[in-house]
Amino acid sequence: MWKALAIIALGLIALMFLYPLIKSLIWLGVIALAIYGAIVLFSDSKSKSG
């Protein structure tokens, strides 16, 4: 019984620590995709006009 509670508690603590990391990773991915999309669009428009 106590072992199960300890495992659940450890899992919750781990989630509390990992959640911000996961969130920041997702945000970094979104920002990276946005930057990549902007670069592709800008380079595409440059090559067409030139």
PDB file of N, CA and C in Angstrom:
ATOM      1  N   MET A   1       0.838  -1.206   0.000  1.00  0.00           N
ATOM      2  CA  MET A   1       0.000   0.000   0.000  1.00  0.00           C
ATOM      3  C   MET A   1       0.879   1.264   0.000  1.00  0.00           C
ATOM      4  N   TRP A   2       1.829   1.300   0.954  1.00  0.00           N
ATOM      5  CA  TRP A   2       2.681   2.487   1.049  1.00  0.00           C
ATOM      6  C   TRP A   2       3.549   2.644  -0.196  1.00  0.00           C
ATOM      7  N   LYS A   3       3.968   1.484  -0.745  1.00  0.00           N
ATOM      8  CA  LYS A   3       4.821   1.521  -1.942  1.00  0.00           C
ATOM      9  C   LYS A   3       4.062   2.182  -3.097  1.00  0.00           C
ATOM     10  N   ALA A   4       2.789   1.813  -3.266  1.00  0.00           N
ATOM     11  CA  ALA A   4       1.970   2.376  -4.341  1.00  0.00           C
ATOM     12  C   ALA A   4       1.822   3.887  -4.154  1.00  0.00           C
ATOM     13  N   LEU A   5       1.566   4.306  -2.910  1.00  0.00           N
ATOM     14  CA  LEU A   5       1.418   5.740  -2.632  1.00  0.00           C
ATOM     15  C   LEU A   5       2.715   6.483  -2.930  1.00  0.00           C
ATOM     16  N   ALA A   6       3.842   5.878  -2.563  1.00  0.00           N
ATOM     17  CA  ALA A   6       5.142   6.511  -2.803  1.00  0.00           C
ATOM     18  C   ALA A   6       5.386   6.660  -4.303  1.00  0.00           C
ATOM     19  N   ILE A   7       5.035   5.617  -5.065  1.00  0.00           N
ATOM     20  CA  ILE A   7       5.219   5.659  -6.523  1.00  0.00           C
ATOM     21  C   ILE A   7       4.348   6.753  -7.133  1.00  0.00           C
ATOM     22  N   ILE A   8       3.091   6.849  -6.674  1.00  0.00           N
ATOM     23  CA  ILE A   8       2.172   7.874  -7.184  1.00  0.00           C
ATOM     24  C   ILE A   8       2.708   9.265  -6.844  1.00  0.00           C
ATOM     25  N   ALA A   9       3.186   9.437  -5.604  1.00  0.00           N
ATOM     26  CA  ALA A   9       3.723  10.728  -5.171  1.00  0.00           C
ATOM     27  C   ALA A   9       4.941  11.102  -6.016  1.00  0.00           C
ATOM     28  N   LEU A  10       5.833  10.135  -6.229  1.00  0.00           N
ATOM     29  CA  LEU A  10       7.027  10.389  -7.045  1.00  0.00           C
ATOM     30  C   LEU A  10       6.626  10.755  -8.471  1.00  0.00           C
ATOM     31  N   GLY A  11       5.615  10.059  -8.998  1.00  0.00           N
ATOM     32  CA  GLY A  11       5.146  10.342 -10.348  1.00  0.00           C
ATOM     33  C   GLY A  11       4.606  11.765 -10.456  1.00  0.00           C
ATOM     34  N   LEU A  12       3.835  12.185  -9.448  1.00  0.00           N
ATOM     35  CA  LEU A  12       3.274  13.540  -9.463  1.00  0.00           C
ATOM     36  C   LEU A  12       4.374  14.589  -9.367  1.00  0.00           C
ATOM     37  N   ILE A  13       5.364  14.329  -8.497  1.00  0.00           N
ATOM     38  CA  ILE A  13       6.479  15.271  -8.347  1.00  0.00           C
ATOM     39  C   ILE A  13       7.254  15.365  -9.659  1.00  0.00           C
ATOM     40  N   ALA A  14       7.486  14.211 -10.292  1.00  0.00           N
ATOM     41  CA  ALA A  14       8.204  14.191 -11.567  1.00  0.00           C
ATOM     42  C   ALA A  14       7.424  14.985 -12.611  1.00  0.00           C
ATOM     43  N   LEU A  15       6.093  14.817 -12.638  1.00  0.00           N
ATOM     44  CA  LEU A  15       5.254  15.549 -13.590  1.00  0.00           C
ATOM     45  C   LEU A  15       5.358  17.053 -13.346  1.00  0.00           C
ATOM     46  N   MET A  16       5.346  17.440 -12.058  1.00  0.00           N
ATOM     47  CA  MET A  16       5.437  18.857 -11.713  1.00  0.00           C
ATOM     48  C   MET A  16       6.738  19.456 -12.245  1.00  0.00           C
ATOM     49  N   PHE A  17       7.824  18.650 -12.184  1.00  0.00           N
ATOM     50  CA  PHE A  17       9.114  19.141 -12.674  1.00  0.00           C
ATOM     51  C   PHE A  17       9.178  19.109 -14.197  1.00  0.00           C
ATOM     52  N   LEU A  18       8.602  18.064 -14.807  1.00  0.00           N
ATOM     53  CA  LEU A  18       8.719  17.873 -16.255  1.00  0.00           C
ATOM     54  C   LEU A  18       7.745  18.746 -17.042  1.00  0.00           C
ATOM     55  N   TYR A  19       6.575  19.058 -16.457  1.00  0.00           N
ATOM     56  CA  TYR A  19       5.549  19.805 -17.190  1.00  0.00           C
ATOM     57  C   TYR A  19       6.074  21.126 -17.770  1.00  0.00           C
ATOM     58  N   PRO A  20       6.761  21.971 -16.972  1.00  0.00           N
ATOM     59  CA  PRO A  20       7.289  23.223 -17.542  1.00  0.00           C
ATOM     60  C   PRO A  20       8.307  22.959 -18.649  1.00  0.00           C
ATOM     61  N   LEU A  21       9.122  21.914 -18.480  1.00  0.00           N
ATOM     62  CA  LEU A  21      10.119  21.567 -19.503  1.00  0.00           C
ATOM     63  C   LEU A  21       9.430  21.190 -20.799  1.00  0.00           C
ATOM     64  N   ILE A  22       8.401  20.335 -20.694  1.00  0.00           N
ATOM     65  CA  ILE A  22       7.666  19.895 -21.881  1.00  0.00           C
ATOM     66  C   ILE A  22       7.003  21.101 -22.547  1.00  0.00           C
ATOM     67  N   LYS A  23       6.410  21.978 -21.713  1.00  0.00           N
ATOM     68  CA  LYS A  23       5.739  23.164 -22.242  1.00  0.00           C
ATOM     69  C   LYS A  23       6.724  24.062 -22.982  1.00  0.00           C
ATOM     70  N   SER A  24       7.900  24.271 -22.387  1.00  0.00           N
ATOM     71  CA  SER A  24       8.900  25.130 -23.028  1.00  0.00           C
ATOM     72  C   SER A  24       9.402  24.495 -24.321  1.00  0.00           C
ATOM     73  N   LEU A  25       9.523  23.164 -24.332  1.00  0.00           N
ATOM     74  CA  LEU A  25       9.963  22.469 -25.547  1.00  0.00           C
ATOM     75  C   LEU A  25       8.938  22.656 -26.657  1.00  0.00           C
ATOM     76  N   ILE A  26       7.644  22.553 -26.307  1.00  0.00           N
ATOM     77  CA  ILE A  26       6.580  22.736 -27.298  1.00  0.00           C
ATOM     78  C   ILE A  26       6.633  24.164 -27.846  1.00  0.00           C
ATOM     79  N   TRP A  27       6.803  25.153 -26.939  1.00  0.00           N
ATOM     80  CA  TRP A  27       6.872  26.547 -27.371  1.00  0.00           C
ATOM     81  C   TRP A  27       8.067  26.781 -28.275  1.00  0.00           C
ATOM     82  N   LEU A  28       9.221  26.160 -27.909  1.00  0.00           N
ATOM     83  CA  LEU A  28      10.424  26.296 -28.736  1.00  0.00           C
ATOM     84  C   LEU A  28      10.168  25.722 -30.124  1.00  0.00           C
ATOM     85  N   GLY A  29       9.467  24.589 -30.180  1.00  0.00           N
ATOM     86  CA  GLY A  29       9.150  23.966 -31.457  1.00  0.00           C
ATOM     87  C   GLY A  29       8.257  24.863 -32.297  1.00  0.00           C
ATOM     88  N   VAL A  30       7.250  25.461 -31.665  1.00  0.00           N
ATOM     89  CA  VAL A  30       6.326  26.353 -32.383  1.00  0.00           C
ATOM     90  C   VAL A  30       7.079  27.567 -32.926  1.00  0.00           C
ATOM     91  N   ILE A  31       7.931  28.155 -32.080  1.00  0.00           N
ATOM     92  CA  ILE A  31       8.701  29.335 -32.495  1.00  0.00           C
ATOM     93  C   ILE A  31       9.655  28.972 -33.631  1.00  0.00           C
ATOM     94  N   ALA A  32      10.312  27.802 -33.503  1.00  0.00           N
ATOM     95  CA  ALA A  32      11.248  27.353 -34.542  1.00  0.00           C
ATOM     96  C   ALA A  32      10.514  27.162 -35.867  1.00  0.00           C
ATOM     97  N   LEU A  33       9.320  26.568 -35.806  1.00  0.00           N
ATOM     98  CA  LEU A  33       8.529  26.364 -37.025  1.00  0.00           C
ATOM     99  C   LEU A  33       8.139  27.707 -37.642  1.00  0.00           C
ATOM    100  N   ALA A  34       7.751  28.670 -36.803  1.00  0.00           N
ATOM    101  CA  ALA A  34       7.357  29.986 -37.303  1.00  0.00           C
ATOM    102  C   ALA A  34       8.534  30.671 -37.992  1.00  0.00           C
ATOM    103  N   ILE A  35       9.704  30.606 -37.351  1.00  0.00           N
ATOM    104  CA  ILE A  35      10.904  31.220 -37.935  1.00  0.00           C
ATOM    105  C   ILE A  35      11.255  30.532 -39.247  1.00  0.00           C
ATOM    106  N   TYR A  36      11.198  29.199 -39.247  1.00  0.00           N
ATOM    107  CA  TYR A  36      11.517  28.423 -40.452  1.00  0.00           C
ATOM    108  C   TYR A  36      10.563  28.799 -41.591  1.00  0.00           C
ATOM    109  N   GLY A  37       9.269  28.900 -41.266  1.00  0.00           N
ATOM    110  CA  GLY A  37       8.273  29.271 -42.267  1.00  0.00           C
ATOM    111  C   GLY A  37       8.541  30.661 -42.828  1.00  0.00           C
ATOM    112  N   ALA A  38       8.907  31.602 -41.954  1.00  0.00           N
ATOM    113  CA  ALA A  38       9.194  32.963 -42.399  1.00  0.00           C
ATOM    114  C   ALA A  38      10.405  32.978 -43.323  1.00  0.00           C
ATOM    115  N   ILE A  39      11.444  32.244 -42.945  1.00  0.00           N
ATOM    116  CA  ILE A  39      12.666  32.190 -43.767  1.00  0.00           C
ATOM    117  C   ILE A  39      12.348  31.605 -45.137  1.00  0.00           C
ATOM    118  N   VAL A  40      11.574  30.521 -45.157  1.00  0.00           N
ATOM    119  CA  VAL A  40      11.213  29.877 -46.428  1.00  0.00           C
ATOM    120  C   VAL A  40      10.415  30.851 -47.292  1.00  0.00           C
ATOM    121  N   LEU A  41       9.452  31.545 -46.683  1.00  0.00           N
ATOM    122  CA  LEU A  41       8.625  32.489 -47.441  1.00  0.00           C
ATOM    123  C   LEU A  41       9.476  33.625 -48.010  1.00  0.00           C
ATOM    124  N   PHE A  42      10.357  34.191 -47.170  1.00  0.00           N
ATOM    125  CA  PHE A  42      11.186  35.310 -47.613  1.00  0.00           C
ATOM    126  C   PHE A  42      12.138  34.890 -48.722  1.00  0.00           C
ATOM    127  N   SER A  43      12.773  33.743 -48.557  1.00  0.00           N
ATOM    128  CA  SER A  43      13.724  33.275 -49.579  1.00  0.00           C
ATOM    129  C   SER A  43      12.975  32.944 -50.869  1.00  0.00           C
ATOM    130  N   ASP A  44      11.752  32.429 -50.741  1.00  0.00           N
ATOM    131  CA  ASP A  44      10.942  32.086 -51.916  1.00  0.00           C
ATOM    132  C   ASP A  44      10.576  33.357 -52.689  1.00  0.00           C
ATOM    133  N   SER A  45      10.132  34.394 -51.978  1.00  0.00           N
ATOM    134  CA  SER A  45       9.731  35.635 -52.638  1.00  0.00           C
ATOM    135  C   SER A  45      10.941  36.317 -53.276  1.00  0.00           C
ATOM    136  N   LYS A  46      12.106  36.209 -52.631  1.00  0.00           N
ATOM    137  CA  LYS A  46      13.326  36.813 -53.177  1.00  0.00           C
ATOM    138  C   LYS A  46      13.718  36.138 -54.483  1.00  0.00           C
ATOM    139  N   SER A  47      13.667  34.815 -54.505  1.00  0.00           N
ATOM    140  CA  SER A  47      14.096  34.074 -55.698  1.00  0.00           C
ATOM    141  C   SER A  47      13.133  34.330 -56.861  1.00  0.00           C
ATOM    142  N   LYS A  48      11.846  34.538 -56.574  1.00  0.00           N
ATOM    143  CA  LYS A  48      10.856  34.777 -57.634  1.00  0.00           C
ATOM    144  C   LYS A  48      11.044  36.172 -58.238  1.00  0.00           C
ATOM    145  N   SER A  49      11.261  37.179 -57.391  1.00  0.00           N
ATOM    146  CA  SER A  49      11.404  38.546 -57.879  1.00  0.00           C
ATOM    147  C   SER A  49      12.745  38.717 -58.594  1.00  0.00           C
ATOM    148  N   GLY A  50      13.782  38.016 -58.106  1.00  0.00           N
ATOM    149  CA  GLY A  50      15.115  38.140 -58.707  1.00  0.00           C
ATOM    150  C   GLY A  50      15.204  37.252 -59.911  1.00  0.00           C
TER     151      GLY A  50
END
